[in-house]
Amino acid sequence: MTAPTRPRPASVRGLFWAFSWLALQGFGGVLAVVQRELVDKRQWLTPEEFVEDWAVAQIMPGANVVNLSLIIGDRYFGWRGALAALAGMLAFPLAVVLALTVALAGVADQSMVQGALRGMGAVSAGLIAGTGFKLIAALRTNVMGVAACAVFSFATFIAIAMLRIPLIAVLLGLGVPATLWAYVCLVKQAKESSP
């Protein structure tokens, strides 16, 4: 009996349209949209895979979701998939941003427009926080263990949100020890599973 195949993009064109649709939904913060589309709806990634891929996308230079689109596109269709996912991620949002720039050029100074933009920022922050809480369950299977994940997550929050330490310093100060701890845990797990 063969294991059921996982859902995957049907073609490079399908990948382009999936990321186009994803990009058009993400105003101000796309983490919640990306997680819902790729994990819950399309099931191209498990929650654990999403957390791991998102972590890699965050430490790469550039926009997180653009990096994630490249990772996923490459995984399914190689460089053609990476380019298709990237094009889907950028083409329509670029057109929308250019159109909004032209449309709002004369009214951007008005308090009502500025208030609306501030409100959207608050909603985006809520979406990101909600998605973060939703993905906490995926850490149960993390090789480092729940306690270590909690410690590193809390320390990262304190460093960035409260102490305002620059991101590069946090990546070096907490990312390097977390990576080393994960490596130690993987080696230990490999030794325990070998006969």
Protein backbone atom coordinates (compact mmCIF):
# COMPACT_ATOMS: atom_id res chain seq x y z
CA MET A 1 0.00 0.00 0.00
CA THR A 2 1.48 3.35 -1.01
CA ALA A 3 1.27 6.45 1.13
CA PRO A 4 -1.13 9.10 -0.16
CA THR A 5 0.59 11.81 -2.14
CA ARG A 6 0.66 15.26 -0.63
CA PRO A 7 -0.98 18.17 -2.41
CA ARG A 8 1.41 20.19 -4.55
CA PRO A 9 1.17 22.86 -7.22
CA ALA A 10 0.01 21.32 -10.49
CA SER A 11 2.26 23.42 -12.71
CA VAL A 12 4.57 26.43 -12.83
CA ARG A 13 1.59 28.48 -14.03
CA GLY A 14 -0.46 27.26 -11.05
CA LEU A 15 2.37 28.27 -8.73
CA PHE A 16 2.43 31.76 -10.29
CA TRP A 17 -1.33 32.24 -9.82
CA ALA A 18 -1.27 30.84 -6.27
CA PHE A 19 1.39 33.34 -5.21
CA SER A 20 -0.38 36.13 -7.11
CA TRP A 21 -3.56 35.42 -5.15
CA LEU A 22 -1.59 35.20 -1.93
CA ALA A 23 0.18 38.51 -2.60
CA LEU A 24 -3.05 40.35 -3.38
CA GLN A 25 -4.48 39.36 0.01
CA GLY A 26 -1.54 40.58 2.07
CA PHE A 27 -1.86 44.25 2.98
CA GLY A 28 0.68 45.30 5.58
CA GLY A 29 1.56 41.85 6.83
CA VAL A 30 1.25 38.59 4.99
CA LEU A 31 2.26 36.02 7.59
CA ALA A 32 -1.33 35.14 8.47
CA VAL A 33 -2.35 34.96 4.82
CA VAL A 34 0.67 32.88 3.82
CA GLN A 35 0.13 30.41 6.64
CA ARG A 36 -3.59 30.07 5.89
CA GLU A 37 -3.08 29.63 2.14
CA LEU A 38 -0.04 27.33 2.11
CA VAL A 39 -0.73 25.24 5.22
CA ASP A 40 -4.48 25.24 5.87
CA LYS A 41 -6.01 25.57 2.40
CA ARG A 42 -3.53 24.23 -0.15
CA GLN A 43 -1.65 21.93 2.29
CA TRP A 44 1.60 22.35 0.37
CA LEU A 45 3.38 22.57 3.73
CA THR A 46 2.79 21.07 7.15
CA PRO A 47 2.78 23.51 10.09
CA GLU A 48 6.25 22.27 11.05
CA GLU A 49 7.60 22.75 7.53
CA PHE A 50 6.08 26.22 7.42
CA VAL A 51 7.76 27.23 10.69
CA GLU A 52 11.13 25.92 9.45
CA ASP A 53 10.85 27.54 6.00
CA TRP A 54 9.63 30.82 7.49
CA ALA A 55 12.62 30.84 9.87
CA VAL A 56 15.00 30.41 6.94
CA ALA A 57 13.16 33.09 4.95
CA GLN A 58 13.49 35.51 7.85
CA ILE A 59 17.25 35.25 8.17
CA MET A 60 17.85 35.65 4.44
CA PRO A 61 18.25 39.20 3.13
CA GLY A 62 15.12 40.65 1.58
CA ALA A 63 11.41 40.42 2.26
CA ASN A 64 10.42 37.28 4.19
CA VAL A 65 7.50 36.30 2.00
CA VAL A 66 9.52 36.85 -1.18
CA ASN A 67 12.22 34.56 0.20
CA LEU A 68 9.57 31.99 1.11
CA SER A 69 8.13 32.11 -2.41
CA LEU A 70 11.59 31.39 -3.82
CA ILE A 71 12.08 28.46 -1.42
CA ILE A 72 8.72 26.87 -2.24
CA GLY A 73 8.95 27.51 -5.97
CA ASP A 74 12.40 25.94 -6.08
CA ARG A 75 11.26 22.95 -4.04
CA TYR A 76 8.54 22.01 -6.53
CA PHE A 77 9.87 23.14 -9.93
CA GLY A 78 13.51 24.18 -9.50
CA TRP A 79 14.65 27.56 -10.79
CA ARG A 80 11.56 27.88 -13.06
CA GLY A 81 9.31 27.47 -10.04
CA ALA A 82 11.34 29.94 -8.01
CA LEU A 83 11.02 32.56 -10.76
CA ALA A 84 7.30 31.85 -11.25
CA ALA A 85 6.57 32.15 -7.51
CA LEU A 86 8.65 35.32 -7.32
CA ALA A 87 6.85 36.83 -10.31
CA GLY A 88 3.49 35.93 -8.79
CA MET A 89 4.52 37.48 -5.51
CA LEU A 90 5.61 40.78 -7.06
CA ALA A 91 3.76 41.48 -10.34
CA PHE A 92 0.24 42.38 -9.20
CA PRO A 93 1.24 44.04 -5.90
CA LEU A 94 3.61 46.29 -7.87
CA ALA A 95 0.74 47.31 -10.15
CA VAL A 96 -1.53 47.94 -7.14
CA VAL A 97 1.10 50.01 -5.31
CA LEU A 98 1.78 52.12 -8.39
CA ALA A 99 -1.96 52.70 -8.90
CA LEU A 100 -2.43 53.64 -5.22
CA THR A 101 0.55 55.98 -5.37
CA VAL A 102 -1.02 57.85 -8.26
CA ALA A 103 -4.49 57.82 -6.66
CA LEU A 104 -3.35 58.98 -3.21
CA ALA A 105 -0.74 61.51 -4.33
CA GLY A 106 -3.05 64.44 -3.66
CA VAL A 107 -4.63 63.22 -0.43
CA ALA A 108 -1.77 61.53 1.44
CA ASP A 109 -1.42 64.52 3.79
CA GLN A 110 -5.01 64.36 5.01
CA SER A 111 -5.54 63.12 8.54
CA MET A 112 -8.28 60.71 7.51
CA VAL A 113 -5.94 58.86 5.12
CA GLN A 114 -3.13 58.78 7.71
CA GLY A 115 -5.56 57.47 10.33
CA ALA A 116 -6.72 54.72 7.98
CA LEU A 117 -3.12 53.66 7.37
CA ARG A 118 -2.41 53.58 11.12
CA GLY A 119 -5.51 51.43 11.63
CA MET A 120 -4.33 49.00 8.97
CA GLY A 121 -0.98 48.76 10.75
CA ALA A 122 -2.73 47.75 13.98
CA VAL A 123 -4.77 45.11 12.16
CA SER A 124 -1.62 43.73 10.52
CA ALA A 125 0.08 43.47 13.91
CA GLY A 126 -2.91 41.56 15.25
CA LEU A 127 -2.85 39.17 12.28
CA ILE A 128 0.84 38.47 12.79
CA ALA A 129 0.39 37.89 16.53
CA GLY A 130 -2.60 35.59 15.94
CA THR A 131 -0.68 33.52 13.42
CA GLY A 132 2.27 33.28 15.80
CA PHE A 133 0.01 31.87 18.51
CA LYS A 134 -1.54 29.45 16.01
CA LEU A 135 1.89 28.13 15.01
CA ILE A 136 3.09 27.54 18.57
CA ALA A 137 1.75 23.98 18.39
CA ALA A 138 4.26 23.19 15.61
CA LEU A 139 7.09 23.72 18.10
CA ARG A 140 6.07 20.58 20.03
CA THR A 141 7.90 18.47 17.45
CA ASN A 142 10.92 20.77 17.19
CA VAL A 143 14.18 18.94 17.84
CA MET A 144 15.29 21.54 20.42
CA GLY A 145 12.32 20.82 22.67
CA VAL A 146 9.51 23.07 23.84
CA ALA A 147 11.44 24.57 26.76
CA ALA A 148 14.39 25.69 24.62
CA CYS A 149 12.04 27.08 21.96
CA ALA A 150 10.18 29.03 24.64
CA VAL A 151 13.41 30.43 26.10
CA PHE A 152 14.76 31.53 22.71
CA SER A 153 11.37 32.98 21.68
CA PHE A 154 11.00 34.94 24.91
CA ALA A 155 14.59 36.19 24.76
CA THR A 156 14.07 37.31 21.15
CA PHE A 157 10.88 39.18 22.09
CA ILE A 158 12.62 40.94 24.99
CA ALA A 159 15.65 41.82 22.85
CA ILE A 160 13.68 43.27 19.94
CA ALA A 161 10.44 44.59 21.42
CA MET A 162 11.63 45.90 24.76
CA LEU A 163 15.38 46.49 24.52
CA ARG A 164 15.28 47.56 20.84
CA ILE A 165 18.46 45.66 20.01
CA PRO A 166 19.19 45.71 16.26
CA LEU A 167 18.07 42.61 14.39
CA ILE A 168 21.56 41.62 13.24
CA ALA A 169 22.78 41.61 16.84
CA VAL A 170 19.81 39.47 17.92
CA LEU A 171 20.44 37.04 15.05
CA LEU A 172 24.07 36.68 16.08
CA GLY A 173 23.46 36.71 19.83
CA LEU A 174 20.51 34.32 19.90
CA GLY A 175 20.47 32.72 16.46
CA VAL A 176 23.96 31.27 16.68
CA PRO A 177 23.40 29.64 20.10
CA ALA A 178 19.98 28.34 18.96
CA THR A 179 21.55 26.85 15.84
CA LEU A 180 24.29 25.19 17.88
CA TRP A 181 21.76 23.82 20.36
CA ALA A 182 19.64 22.43 17.49
CA TYR A 183 22.76 20.79 16.04
CA VAL A 184 23.58 19.18 19.38
CA CYS A 185 20.01 17.92 19.67
CA LEU A 186 20.08 16.50 16.12
CA VAL A 187 23.35 14.67 16.79
CA LYS A 188 21.93 13.27 20.02
CA GLN A 189 18.74 12.21 18.26
CA ALA A 190 20.75 10.51 15.48
CA LYS A 191 22.84 8.59 18.05
CA GLU A 192 19.73 7.43 19.91
CA SER A 193 18.00 6.24 16.74
CA SER A 194 21.03 4.35 15.35
CA PRO A 195 21.30 0.67 16.36
